[in-house]
PDB file of N, CA and C in Angstrom:
ATOM      1  N   GLN A   1       1.392  35.248  60.181  1.00  0.00           N
ATOM      2  CA  GLN A   1       0.320  35.850  59.937  1.00  0.00           C
ATOM      3  C   GLN A   1      -0.419  35.054  59.097  1.00  0.00           C
ATOM      4  N   VAL A   2      -2.368  35.245  59.070  1.00  0.00           N
ATOM      5  CA  VAL A   2      -2.941  34.715  58.229  1.00  0.00           C
ATOM      6  C   VAL A   2      -3.317  36.114  57.116  1.00  0.00           C
ATOM      7  N   GLN A   3      -3.642  35.190  56.056  1.00  0.00           N
ATOM      8  CA  GLN A   3      -4.016  36.422  55.169  1.00  0.00           C
ATOM      9  C   GLN A   3      -4.780  35.667  53.410  1.00  0.00           C
ATOM     10  N   LEU A   4      -6.096  35.658  53.435  1.00  0.00           N
ATOM     11  CA  LEU A   4      -6.997  35.456  52.582  1.00  0.00           C
ATOM     12  C   LEU A   4      -6.330  36.508  51.583  1.00  0.00           C
ATOM     13  N   VAL A   5      -6.710  35.851  49.891  1.00  0.00           N
ATOM     14  CA  VAL A   5      -6.551  37.150  48.885  1.00  0.00           C
ATOM     15  C   VAL A   5      -7.702  36.324  48.239  1.00  0.00           C
ATOM     16  N   GLU A   6      -8.838  37.556  47.614  1.00  0.00           N
ATOM     17  CA  GLU A   6     -10.135  37.156  46.243  1.00  0.00           C
ATOM     18  C   GLU A   6      -9.339  37.700  45.168  1.00  0.00           C
ATOM     19  N   SER A   7      -9.419  36.739  43.876  1.00  0.00           N
ATOM     20  CA  SER A   7      -9.338  37.364  42.803  1.00  0.00           C
ATOM     21  C   SER A   7     -10.604  36.412  41.863  1.00  0.00           C
ATOM     22  N   GLY A   8     -10.795  37.272  41.114  1.00  0.00           N
ATOM     23  CA  GLY A   8     -11.729  36.218  39.260  1.00  0.00           C
ATOM     24  C   GLY A   8     -12.868  37.248  39.298  1.00  0.00           C
ATOM     25  N   GLY A   9     -13.126  38.229  39.834  1.00  0.00           N
ATOM     26  CA  GLY A   9     -14.426  39.015  40.197  1.00  0.00           C
ATOM     27  C   GLY A   9     -13.767  39.612  38.542  1.00  0.00           C
ATOM     28  N   GLY A  10     -14.978  39.939  38.011  1.00  0.00           N
ATOM     29  CA  GLY A  10     -15.284  40.965  37.366  1.00  0.00           C
ATOM     30  C   GLY A  10     -16.873  41.710  36.796  1.00  0.00           C
ATOM     31  N   LEU A  11     -16.534  41.750  35.486  1.00  0.00           N
ATOM     32  CA  LEU A  11     -18.236  42.320  34.938  1.00  0.00           C
ATOM     33  C   LEU A  11     -18.623  40.766  33.646  1.00  0.00           C
ATOM     34  N   VAL A  12     -19.579  40.531  34.102  1.00  0.00           N
ATOM     35  CA  VAL A  12     -20.451  39.564  33.109  1.00  0.00           C
ATOM     36  C   VAL A  12     -21.741  39.715  32.759  1.00  0.00           C
ATOM     37  N   GLN A  13     -22.503  39.393  31.862  1.00  0.00           N
ATOM     38  CA  GLN A  13     -23.874  39.644  31.480  1.00  0.00           C
ATOM     39  C   GLN A  13     -24.322  38.501  32.088  1.00  0.00           C
ATOM     40  N   PRO A  14     -25.613  39.224  32.492  1.00  0.00           N
ATOM     41  CA  PRO A  14     -26.824  37.646  33.311  1.00  0.00           C
ATOM     42  C   PRO A  14     -26.472  36.688  31.926  1.00  0.00           C
ATOM     43  N   GLY A  15     -26.622  35.598  33.276  1.00  0.00           N
ATOM     44  CA  GLY A  15     -26.509  33.941  32.540  1.00  0.00           C
ATOM     45  C   GLY A  15     -24.978  33.640  32.618  1.00  0.00           C
ATOM     46  N   GLY A  16     -24.474  34.706  32.217  1.00  0.00           N
ATOM     47  CA  GLY A  16     -22.327  33.798  32.616  1.00  0.00           C
ATOM     48  C   GLY A  16     -22.250  33.309  33.901  1.00  0.00           C
ATOM     49  N   SER A  17     -20.330  33.475  33.747  1.00  0.00           N
ATOM     50  CA  SER A  17     -20.061  32.430  34.568  1.00  0.00           C
ATOM     51  C   SER A  17     -18.861  33.223  35.430  1.00  0.00           C
ATOM     52  N   LEU A  18     -18.161  33.286  36.231  1.00  0.00           N
ATOM     53  CA  LEU A  18     -16.855  33.227  37.113  1.00  0.00           C
ATOM     54  C   LEU A  18     -16.795  32.474  38.236  1.00  0.00           C
ATOM     55  N   ARG A  19     -15.795  32.268  37.635  1.00  0.00           N
ATOM     56  CA  ARG A  19     -15.231  31.985  38.450  1.00  0.00           C
ATOM     57  C   ARG A  19     -13.539  32.607  39.807  1.00  0.00           C
ATOM     58  N   LEU A  20     -14.086  32.102  40.699  1.00  0.00           N
ATOM     59  CA  LEU A  20     -13.268  33.026  42.453  1.00  0.00           C
ATOM     60  C   LEU A  20     -12.849  32.087  42.776  1.00  0.00           C
ATOM     61  N   SER A  21     -11.723  33.047  42.763  1.00  0.00           N
ATOM     62  CA  SER A  21     -10.220  31.925  44.173  1.00  0.00           C
ATOM     63  C   SER A  21      -9.834  32.596  45.108  1.00  0.00           C
ATOM     64  N   CYS A  22      -9.639  31.738  46.511  1.00  0.00           N
ATOM     65  CA  CYS A  22      -9.269  32.182  47.026  1.00  0.00           C
ATOM     66  C   CYS A  22      -7.865  31.703  47.789  1.00  0.00           C
ATOM     67  N   VAL A  23      -6.579  32.439  47.830  1.00  0.00           N
ATOM     68  CA  VAL A  23      -5.408  31.865  48.222  1.00  0.00           C
ATOM     69  C   VAL A  23      -5.685  32.137  49.533  1.00  0.00           C
ATOM     70  N   ALA A  24      -4.365  31.122  50.876  1.00  0.00           N
ATOM     71  CA  ALA A  24      -4.712  31.156  52.045  1.00  0.00           C
ATOM     72  C   ALA A  24      -2.684  31.668  52.551  1.00  0.00           C
ATOM     73  N   SER A  25      -2.804  32.541  53.339  1.00  0.00           N
ATOM     74  CA  SER A  25      -1.326  31.563  53.638  1.00  0.00           C
ATOM     75  C   SER A  25      -0.942  31.860  54.933  1.00  0.00           C
ATOM     76  N   GLY A  26      -0.037  31.445  55.949  1.00  0.00           N
ATOM     77  CA  GLY A  26      -0.090  31.620  57.234  1.00  0.00           C
ATOM     78  C   GLY A  26      -0.818  30.908  58.070  1.00  0.00           C
ATOM     79  N   ILE A  27      -1.429  29.773  57.206  1.00  0.00           N
ATOM     80  CA  ILE A  27      -2.600  29.179  57.831  1.00  0.00           C
ATOM     81  C   ILE A  27      -2.502  27.803  57.660  1.00  0.00           C
ATOM     82  N   LEU A  28      -2.866  26.487  58.563  1.00  0.00           N
ATOM     83  CA  LEU A  28      -3.079  25.247  58.405  1.00  0.00           C
ATOM     84  C   LEU A  28      -4.303  24.894  57.589  1.00  0.00           C
ATOM     85  N   PHE A  29      -4.289  25.058  56.281  1.00  0.00           N
ATOM     86  CA  PHE A  29      -5.159  24.648  55.017  1.00  0.00           C
ATOM     87  C   PHE A  29      -6.064  23.892  55.276  1.00  0.00           C
ATOM     88  N   GLY A  30      -5.788  22.527  55.466  1.00  0.00           N
ATOM     89  CA  GLY A  30      -6.575  21.884  55.304  1.00  0.00           C
ATOM     90  C   GLY A  30      -7.141  21.511  56.769  1.00  0.00           C
ATOM     91  N   SER A  31      -6.995  22.274  57.303  1.00  0.00           N
ATOM     92  CA  SER A  31      -8.453  22.314  58.990  1.00  0.00           C
ATOM     93  C   SER A  31      -9.168  23.096  59.174  1.00  0.00           C
ATOM     94  N   GLN A  32      -9.027  24.067  58.011  1.00  0.00           N
ATOM     95  CA  GLN A  32     -10.402  25.428  58.346  1.00  0.00           C
ATOM     96  C   GLN A  32     -11.410  25.155  57.143  1.00  0.00           C
ATOM     97  N   THR A  33     -12.316  25.606  58.113  1.00  0.00           N
ATOM     98  CA  THR A  33     -13.758  25.935  56.730  1.00  0.00           C
ATOM     99  C   THR A  33     -13.463  26.938  56.649  1.00  0.00           C
ATOM    100  N   PHE A  34     -14.120  27.040  55.161  1.00  0.00           N
ATOM    101  CA  PHE A  34     -13.663  28.786  54.179  1.00  0.00           C
ATOM    102  C   PHE A  34     -15.349  28.818  53.827  1.00  0.00           C
ATOM    103  N   HIS A  35     -15.542  29.665  54.225  1.00  0.00           N
ATOM    104  CA  HIS A  35     -17.020  30.235  53.581  1.00  0.00           C
ATOM    105  C   HIS A  35     -17.108  31.376  52.595  1.00  0.00           C
ATOM    106  N   TRP A  36     -17.679  31.394  51.732  1.00  0.00           N
ATOM    107  CA  TRP A  36     -17.348  32.809  50.668  1.00  0.00           C
ATOM    108  C   TRP A  36     -19.187  33.631  51.324  1.00  0.00           C
ATOM    109  N   TYR A  37     -18.852  34.844  51.765  1.00  0.00           N
ATOM    110  CA  TYR A  37     -20.128  36.047  52.080  1.00  0.00           C
ATOM    111  C   TYR A  37     -20.551  37.244  50.447  1.00  0.00           C
ATOM    112  N   ARG A  38     -20.999  37.380  50.839  1.00  0.00           N
ATOM    113  CA  ARG A  38     -21.188  38.366  49.708  1.00  0.00           C
ATOM    114  C   ARG A  38     -21.770  39.785  50.360  1.00  0.00           C
ATOM    115  N   GLN A  39     -21.211  41.154  49.888  1.00  0.00           N
ATOM    116  CA  GLN A  39     -21.822  42.628  50.358  1.00  0.00           C
ATOM    117  C   GLN A  39     -22.758  43.684  48.830  1.00  0.00           C
ATOM    118  N   ALA A  40     -24.024  43.121  49.174  1.00  0.00           N
ATOM    119  CA  ALA A  40     -24.181  44.206  47.721  1.00  0.00           C
ATOM    120  C   ALA A  40     -24.405  45.576  48.601  1.00  0.00           C
ATOM    121  N   PRO A  41     -24.382  46.945  47.578  1.00  0.00           N
ATOM    122  CA  PRO A  41     -24.316  48.229  47.586  1.00  0.00           C
ATOM    123  C   PRO A  41     -25.228  48.609  48.971  1.00  0.00           C
ATOM    124  N   GLY A  42     -25.301  49.127  49.703  1.00  0.00           N
ATOM    125  CA  GLY A  42     -26.431  49.632  50.768  1.00  0.00           C
ATOM    126  C   GLY A  42     -26.760  48.823  51.675  1.00  0.00           C
ATOM    127  N   ARG A  43     -26.099  47.133  51.244  1.00  0.00           N
ATOM    128  CA  ARG A  43     -26.788  46.213  52.190  1.00  0.00           C
ATOM    129  C   ARG A  43     -25.806  45.511  53.046  1.00  0.00           C
ATOM    130  N   GLN A  44     -26.523  44.152  53.687  1.00  0.00           N
ATOM    131  CA  GLN A  44     -25.119  43.392  54.795  1.00  0.00           C
ATOM    132  C   GLN A  44     -24.099  42.833  54.119  1.00  0.00           C
ATOM    133  N   ARG A  45     -23.846  41.844  54.741  1.00  0.00           N
ATOM    134  CA  ARG A  45     -22.586  40.961  54.285  1.00  0.00           C
ATOM    135  C   ARG A  45     -22.729  39.457  54.497  1.00  0.00           C
ATOM    136  N   ASP A  46     -23.847  38.950  53.275  1.00  0.00           N
ATOM    137  CA  ASP A  46     -24.607  37.499  53.636  1.00  0.00           C
ATOM    138  C   ASP A  46     -23.378  36.642  53.494  1.00  0.00           C
ATOM    139  N   TRP A  47     -24.018  35.319  53.716  1.00  0.00           N
ATOM    140  CA  TRP A  47     -23.264  34.468  53.851  1.00  0.00           C
ATOM    141  C   TRP A  47     -24.111  33.647  52.684  1.00  0.00           C
ATOM    142  N   VAL A  48     -22.880  33.162  51.416  1.00  0.00           N
ATOM    143  CA  VAL A  48     -23.180  32.452  50.428  1.00  0.00           C
ATOM    144  C   VAL A  48     -23.108  31.164  50.065  1.00  0.00           C
ATOM    145  N   GLY A  49     -22.029  30.722  51.020  1.00  0.00           N
ATOM    146  CA  GLY A  49     -21.480  29.093  51.175  1.00  0.00           C
ATOM    147  C   GLY A  49     -20.324  28.363  52.129  1.00  0.00           C
ATOM    148  N   HIS A  50     -20.028  27.543  52.035  1.00  0.00           N
ATOM    149  CA  HIS A  50     -18.649  27.149  52.237  1.00  0.00           C
ATOM    150  C   HIS A  50     -18.321  25.830  51.613  1.00  0.00           C
ATOM    151  N   ILE A  51     -17.406  25.645  52.917  1.00  0.00           N
ATOM    152  CA  ILE A  51     -16.616  23.705  52.230  1.00  0.00           C
ATOM    153  C   ILE A  51     -15.874  23.616  53.345  1.00  0.00           C
ATOM    154  N   THR A  52     -16.208  22.370  54.569  1.00  0.00           N
ATOM    155  CA  THR A  52     -15.700  21.921  55.216  1.00  0.00           C
ATOM    156  C   THR A  52     -14.169  21.774  55.000  1.00  0.00           C
ATOM    157  N   PRO A  53     -13.124  20.965  55.664  1.00  0.00           N
ATOM    158  CA  PRO A  53     -12.531  20.428  55.943  1.00  0.00           C
ATOM    159  C   PRO A  53     -12.030  18.901  54.587  1.00  0.00           C
ATOM    160  N   SER A  54     -13.757  18.370  54.454  1.00  0.00           N
ATOM    161  CA  SER A  54     -13.740  17.390  54.585  1.00  0.00           C
ATOM    162  C   SER A  54     -14.410  17.111  52.943  1.00  0.00           C
ATOM    163  N   GLY A  55     -14.849  18.389  52.258  1.00  0.00           N
ATOM    164  CA  GLY A  55     -15.151  19.247  51.524  1.00  0.00           C
ATOM    165  C   GLY A  55     -16.426  18.557  51.381  1.00  0.00           C
ATOM    166  N   ASN A  56     -17.468  18.733  52.676  1.00  0.00           N
ATOM    167  CA  ASN A  56     -18.621  18.825  51.954  1.00  0.00           C
ATOM    168  C   ASN A  56     -19.130  20.488  52.350  1.00  0.00           C
ATOM    169  N   THR A  57     -20.087  20.284  51.342  1.00  0.00           N
ATOM    170  CA  THR A  57     -20.719  22.439  50.879  1.00  0.00           C
ATOM    171  C   THR A  57     -22.195  22.491  51.291  1.00  0.00           C
ATOM    172  N   ASN A  58     -22.341  23.411  52.253  1.00  0.00           N
ATOM    173  CA  ASN A  58     -23.354  24.107  52.250  1.00  0.00           C
ATOM    174  C   ASN A  58     -24.151  25.279  51.384  1.00  0.00           C
ATOM    175  N   TYR A  59     -24.465  25.765  50.437  1.00  0.00           N
ATOM    176  CA  TYR A  59     -25.013  27.072  49.919  1.00  0.00           C
ATOM    177  C   TYR A  59     -26.678  27.703  50.354  1.00  0.00           C
ATOM    178  N   ILE A  60     -27.079  28.996  50.077  1.00  0.00           N
ATOM    179  CA  ILE A  60     -27.983  29.518  50.639  1.00  0.00           C
ATOM    180  C   ILE A  60     -28.914  28.939  49.684  1.00  0.00           C
ATOM    181  N   ASP A  61     -30.384  29.255  49.911  1.00  0.00           N
ATOM    182  CA  ASP A  61     -30.754  28.942  48.042  1.00  0.00           C
ATOM    183  C   ASP A  61     -30.642  29.174  46.798  1.00  0.00           C
ATOM    184  N   SER A  62     -30.981  30.159  47.470  1.00  0.00           N
ATOM    185  CA  SER A  62     -30.997  31.062  45.831  1.00  0.00           C
ATOM    186  C   SER A  62     -29.832  30.768  45.436  1.00  0.00           C
ATOM    187  N   VAL A  63     -28.799  30.671  46.049  1.00  0.00           N
ATOM    188  CA  VAL A  63     -27.735  29.859  44.471  1.00  0.00           C
ATOM    189  C   VAL A  63     -27.697  28.115  44.456  1.00  0.00           C
ATOM    190  N   LYS A  64     -28.368  27.830  44.792  1.00  0.00           N
ATOM    191  CA  LYS A  64     -28.035  25.990  45.192  1.00  0.00           C
ATOM    192  C   LYS A  64     -28.517  26.206  43.189  1.00  0.00           C
ATOM    193  N   GLY A  65     -27.626  24.979  43.327  1.00  0.00           N
ATOM    194  CA  GLY A  65     -27.414  25.028  41.175  1.00  0.00           C
ATOM    195  C   GLY A  65     -27.005  25.698  40.881  1.00  0.00           C
ATOM    196  N   ARG A  66     -26.642  27.007  41.137  1.00  0.00           N
ATOM    197  CA  ARG A  66     -25.437  27.794  40.047  1.00  0.00           C
ATOM    198  C   ARG A  66     -24.318  28.289  40.728  1.00  0.00           C
ATOM    199  N   PHE A  67     -24.228  27.891  41.778  1.00  0.00           N
ATOM    200  CA  PHE A  67     -23.011  28.006  42.816  1.00  0.00           C
ATOM    201  C   PHE A  67     -21.910  27.075  43.183  1.00  0.00           C
ATOM    202  N   THR A  68     -20.663  26.968  42.818  1.00  0.00           N
ATOM    203  CA  THR A  68     -19.571  25.511  43.167  1.00  0.00           C
ATOM    204  C   THR A  68     -19.028  26.015  44.330  1.00  0.00           C
ATOM    205  N   ILE A  69     -18.786  25.768  45.845  1.00  0.00           N
ATOM    206  CA  ILE A  69     -17.251  25.836  46.476  1.00  0.00           C
ATOM    207  C   ILE A  69     -16.487  24.677  45.996  1.00  0.00           C
ATOM    208  N   SER A  70     -15.249  25.036  45.892  1.00  0.00           N
ATOM    209  CA  SER A  70     -14.426  23.301  46.191  1.00  0.00           C
ATOM    210  C   SER A  70     -12.523  23.762  46.698  1.00  0.00           C
ATOM    211  N   ARG A  71     -12.180  23.292  47.235  1.00  0.00           N
ATOM    212  CA  ARG A  71     -10.689  23.645  47.493  1.00  0.00           C
ATOM    213  C   ARG A  71     -10.061  22.615  46.760  1.00  0.00           C
ATOM    214  N   ASP A  72      -7.926  23.405  46.933  1.00  0.00           N
ATOM    215  CA  ASP A  72      -7.254  22.255  46.668  1.00  0.00           C
ATOM    216  C   ASP A  72      -6.982  22.454  47.601  1.00  0.00           C
ATOM    217  N   ASN A  73      -6.157  21.608  48.071  1.00  0.00           N
ATOM    218  CA  ASN A  73      -5.483  21.539  49.831  1.00  0.00           C
ATOM    219  C   ASN A  73      -4.088  21.714  49.416  1.00  0.00           C
ATOM    220  N   ALA A  74      -3.166  21.062  48.163  1.00  0.00           N
ATOM    221  CA  ALA A  74      -2.240  21.420  47.558  1.00  0.00           C
ATOM    222  C   ALA A  74      -2.246  22.547  47.271  1.00  0.00           C
ATOM    223  N   LYS A  75      -2.284  23.351  46.578  1.00  0.00           N
ATOM    224  CA  LYS A  75      -2.541  25.062  46.502  1.00  0.00           C
ATOM    225  C   LYS A  75      -2.511  25.730  47.470  1.00  0.00           C
ATOM    226  N   ASN A  76      -4.122  25.265  48.879  1.00  0.00           N
ATOM    227  CA  ASN A  76      -3.342  26.159  49.450  1.00  0.00           C
ATOM    228  C   ASN A  76      -4.887  27.247  48.560  1.00  0.00           C
ATOM    229  N   MET A  77      -5.671  26.590  48.046  1.00  0.00           N
ATOM    230  CA  MET A  77      -6.535  27.674  47.310  1.00  0.00           C
ATOM    231  C   MET A  77      -8.215  26.428  47.702  1.00  0.00           C
ATOM    232  N   VAL A  78      -8.824  27.698  47.367  1.00  0.00           N
ATOM    233  CA  VAL A  78     -10.808  27.814  47.220  1.00  0.00           C
ATOM    234  C   VAL A  78     -11.597  28.521  46.141  1.00  0.00           C
ATOM    235  N   TYR A  79     -11.774  27.613  45.492  1.00  0.00           N
ATOM    236  CA  TYR A  79     -13.070  28.261  44.210  1.00  0.00           C
ATOM    237  C   TYR A  79     -14.207  28.548  44.597  1.00  0.00           C
ATOM    238  N   HIS A  80     -14.537  29.369  44.024  1.00  0.00           N
ATOM    239  CA  HIS A  80     -15.898  29.382  43.427  1.00  0.00           C
ATOM    240  C   HIS A  80     -16.839  29.316  42.404  1.00  0.00           C
ATOM    241  N   GLN A  81     -17.329  28.707  41.866  1.00  0.00           N
ATOM    242  CA  GLN A  81     -17.738  28.530  40.643  1.00  0.00           C
ATOM    243  C   GLN A  81     -18.871  29.017  40.830  1.00  0.00           C
ATOM    244  N   MET A  82     -19.266  30.032  39.846  1.00  0.00           N
ATOM    245  CA  MET A  82     -20.242  30.978  40.196  1.00  0.00           C
ATOM    246  C   MET A  82     -21.342  31.189  38.090  1.00  0.00           C
ATOM    247  N   ASN A  83     -22.054  29.816  37.935  1.00  0.00           N
ATOM    248  CA  ASN A  83     -22.805  29.653  36.734  1.00  0.00           C
ATOM    249  C   ASN A  83     -24.346  30.504  36.516  1.00  0.00           C
ATOM    250  N   ASN A  84     -24.570  30.840  35.472  1.00  0.00           N
ATOM    251  CA  ASN A  84     -25.918  31.574  35.666  1.00  0.00           C
ATOM    252  C   ASN A  84     -25.987  32.882  36.336  1.00  0.00           C
ATOM    253  N   LEU A  85     -25.439  33.926  36.282  1.00  0.00           N
ATOM    254  CA  LEU A  85     -24.834  34.629  37.181  1.00  0.00           C
ATOM    255  C   LEU A  85     -26.358  35.377  37.394  1.00  0.00           C
ATOM    256  N   LYS A  86     -27.139  35.707  37.850  1.00  0.00           N
ATOM    257  CA  LYS A  86     -28.122  36.484  37.957  1.00  0.00           C
ATOM    258  C   LYS A  86     -27.868  38.502  38.023  1.00  0.00           C
ATOM    259  N   PRO A  87     -28.528  39.553  37.998  1.00  0.00           N
ATOM    260  CA  PRO A  87     -28.121  40.892  38.819  1.00  0.00           C
ATOM    261  C   PRO A  87     -28.333  40.785  39.775  1.00  0.00           C
ATOM    262  N   ASP A  88     -28.806  39.827  40.377  1.00  0.00           N
ATOM    263  CA  ASP A  88     -28.860  40.326  42.294  1.00  0.00           C
ATOM    264  C   ASP A  88     -27.718  39.496  43.137  1.00  0.00           C
ATOM    265  N   ASP A  89     -26.737  39.289  41.747  1.00  0.00           N
ATOM    266  CA  ASP A  89     -25.405  38.501  42.292  1.00  0.00           C
ATOM    267  C   ASP A  89     -24.641  39.521  42.030  1.00  0.00           C
ATOM    268  N   THR A  90     -24.673  40.506  41.849  1.00  0.00           N
ATOM    269  CA  THR A  90     -23.972  41.838  42.353  1.00  0.00           C
ATOM    270  C   THR A  90     -23.488  41.977  43.455  1.00  0.00           C
ATOM    271  N   ALA A  91     -21.534  41.754  44.148  1.00  0.00           N
ATOM    272  CA  ALA A  91     -21.626  42.000  44.949  1.00  0.00           C
ATOM    273  C   ALA A  91     -20.394  42.462  45.328  1.00  0.00           C
ATOM    274  N   VAL A  92     -20.023  42.584  46.524  1.00  0.00           N
ATOM    275  CA  VAL A  92     -18.671  42.028  46.278  1.00  0.00           C
ATOM    276  C   VAL A  92     -18.423  41.159  47.351  1.00  0.00           C
ATOM    277  N   TYR A  93     -17.774  40.441  47.087  1.00  0.00           N
ATOM    278  CA  TYR A  93     -17.281  38.318  47.648  1.00  0.00           C
ATOM    279  C   TYR A  93     -16.435  38.331  48.375  1.00  0.00           C
ATOM    280  N   TYR A  94     -16.529  37.355  49.413  1.00  0.00           N
ATOM    281  CA  TYR A  94     -15.188  37.598  50.650  1.00  0.00           C
ATOM    282  C   TYR A  94     -15.388  36.297  50.653  1.00  0.00           C
ATOM    283  N   CYS A  95     -13.805  35.849  51.162  1.00  0.00           N
ATOM    284  CA  CYS A  95     -13.835  34.778  51.868  1.00  0.00           C
ATOM    285  C   CYS A  95     -12.854  34.864  52.584  1.00  0.00           C
ATOM    286  N   LYS A  96     -13.759  34.061  53.687  1.00  0.00           N
ATOM    287  CA  LYS A  96     -13.365  33.948  55.152  1.00  0.00           C
ATOM    288  C   LYS A  96     -12.783  32.894  55.517  1.00  0.00           C
ATOM    289  N   SER A  97     -11.791  32.154  56.724  1.00  0.00           N
ATOM    290  CA  SER A  97     -11.738  31.417  57.008  1.00  0.00           C
ATOM    291  C   SER A  97     -11.613  31.037  58.669  1.00  0.00           C
ATOM    292  N   GLN A  98     -12.505  29.837  58.682  1.00  0.00           N
ATOM    293  CA  GLN A  98     -12.781  29.577  60.641  1.00  0.00           C
ATOM    294  C   GLN A  98     -11.861  28.335  60.464  1.00  0.00           C
ATOM    295  N   PRO A  99     -11.627  27.925  61.926  1.00  0.00           N
ATOM    296  CA  PRO A  99     -11.574  28.815  63.038  1.00  0.00           C
ATOM    297  C   PRO A  99     -11.383  30.001  63.047  1.00  0.00           C
ATOM    298  N   THR A 100     -10.388  29.960  62.274  1.00  0.00           N
ATOM    299  CA  THR A 100      -9.069  31.862  62.359  1.00  0.00           C
ATOM    300  C   THR A 100      -9.749  33.152  62.494  1.00  0.00           C
ATOM    301  N   ASN A 101     -11.604  32.859  62.089  1.00  0.00           N
ATOM    302  CA  ASN A 101     -12.072  34.277  61.397  1.00  0.00           C
ATOM    303  C   ASN A 101     -10.726  35.214  60.806  1.00  0.00           C
ATOM    304  N   SER A 102     -10.454  34.854  59.774  1.00  0.00           N
ATOM    305  CA  SER A 102     -10.072  35.732  59.096  1.00  0.00           C
ATOM    306  C   SER A 102     -10.796  35.816  58.111  1.00  0.00           C
ATOM    307  N   TRP A 103     -10.331  37.195  57.596  1.00  0.00           N
ATOM    308  CA  TRP A 103     -11.319  37.843  56.123  1.00  0.00           C
ATOM    309  C   TRP A 103     -10.287  38.340  55.142  1.00  0.00           C
ATOM    310  N   GLY A 104     -10.835  38.529  53.582  1.00  0.00           N
ATOM    311  CA  GLY A 104     -10.158  38.611  52.984  1.00  0.00           C
ATOM    312  C   GLY A 104     -10.750  39.787  51.898  1.00  0.00           C
ATOM    313  N   ARG A 105      -9.864  40.795  51.534  1.00  0.00           N
ATOM    314  CA  ARG A 105     -10.655  42.336  51.408  1.00  0.00           C
ATOM    315  C   ARG A 105     -11.530  42.153  49.889  1.00  0.00           C
ATOM    316  N   GLY A 106     -11.598  41.071  49.019  1.00  0.00           N
ATOM    317  CA  GLY A 106     -13.142  40.889  48.829  1.00  0.00           C
ATOM    318  C   GLY A 106     -12.776  41.031  46.658  1.00  0.00           C
ATOM    319  N   THR A 107     -13.192  40.575  46.470  1.00  0.00           N
ATOM    320  CA  THR A 107     -13.190  41.221  44.905  1.00  0.00           C
ATOM    321  C   THR A 107     -14.306  41.016  44.329  1.00  0.00           C
ATOM    322  N   GLN A 108     -14.923  41.949  43.648  1.00  0.00           N
ATOM    323  CA  GLN A 108     -16.238  42.653  42.275  1.00  0.00           C
ATOM    324  C   GLN A 108     -16.856  41.719  41.593  1.00  0.00           C
ATOM    325  N   VAL A 109     -18.301  41.765  41.465  1.00  0.00           N
ATOM    326  CA  VAL A 109     -18.711  40.596  40.681  1.00  0.00           C
ATOM    327  C   VAL A 109     -19.807  41.620  40.617  1.00  0.00           C
ATOM    328  N   THR A 110     -19.906  41.849  39.601  1.00  0.00           N
ATOM    329  CA  THR A 110     -20.723  43.160  38.203  1.00  0.00           C
ATOM    330  C   THR A 110     -21.897  42.016  37.717  1.00  0.00           C
ATOM    331  N   VAL A 111     -22.650  41.841  37.518  1.00  0.00           N
ATOM    332  CA  VAL A 111     -23.512  40.911  36.743  1.00  0.00           C
ATOM    333  C   VAL A 111     -24.725  42.376  36.052  1.00  0.00           C
ATOM    334  N   SER A 112     -24.460  42.427  34.457  1.00  0.00           N
ATOM    335  CA  SER A 112     -25.518  43.454  34.219  1.00  0.00           C
ATOM    336  C   SER A 112     -25.175  43.565  32.173  1.00  0.00           C
ATOM    337  N   SER A 113     -26.764  43.957  31.903  1.00  0.00           N
ATOM    338  CA  SER A 113     -25.557  43.967  30.498  1.00  0.00           C
ATOM    339  C   SER A 113     -25.768  45.051  30.075  1.00  0.00           C
TER     340      SER A 113
END
């Protein structure tokens, strides 16, 4: 059974940083692309970025230069370093694996002074 569990969310002031983690089990980790999505209250769930099995990354324009996705295949972990956070980054952040299309339950990120 595939399971993804996110952690690392919290409350941070504008300009601050957080590092989210996603641990995967029941999965051939090294063959998966991992995506991060986010969903703000009252809005649809939006794609933020991804990391391929080879380590290539891509991001939406609004987070380029601020967010970095990385992976540790030995630990079955995906990381999402978020710097210079803005109030508009407030959302529940989700990890998703592809091609298994499994989702975690999300972790709340709140950016507020």
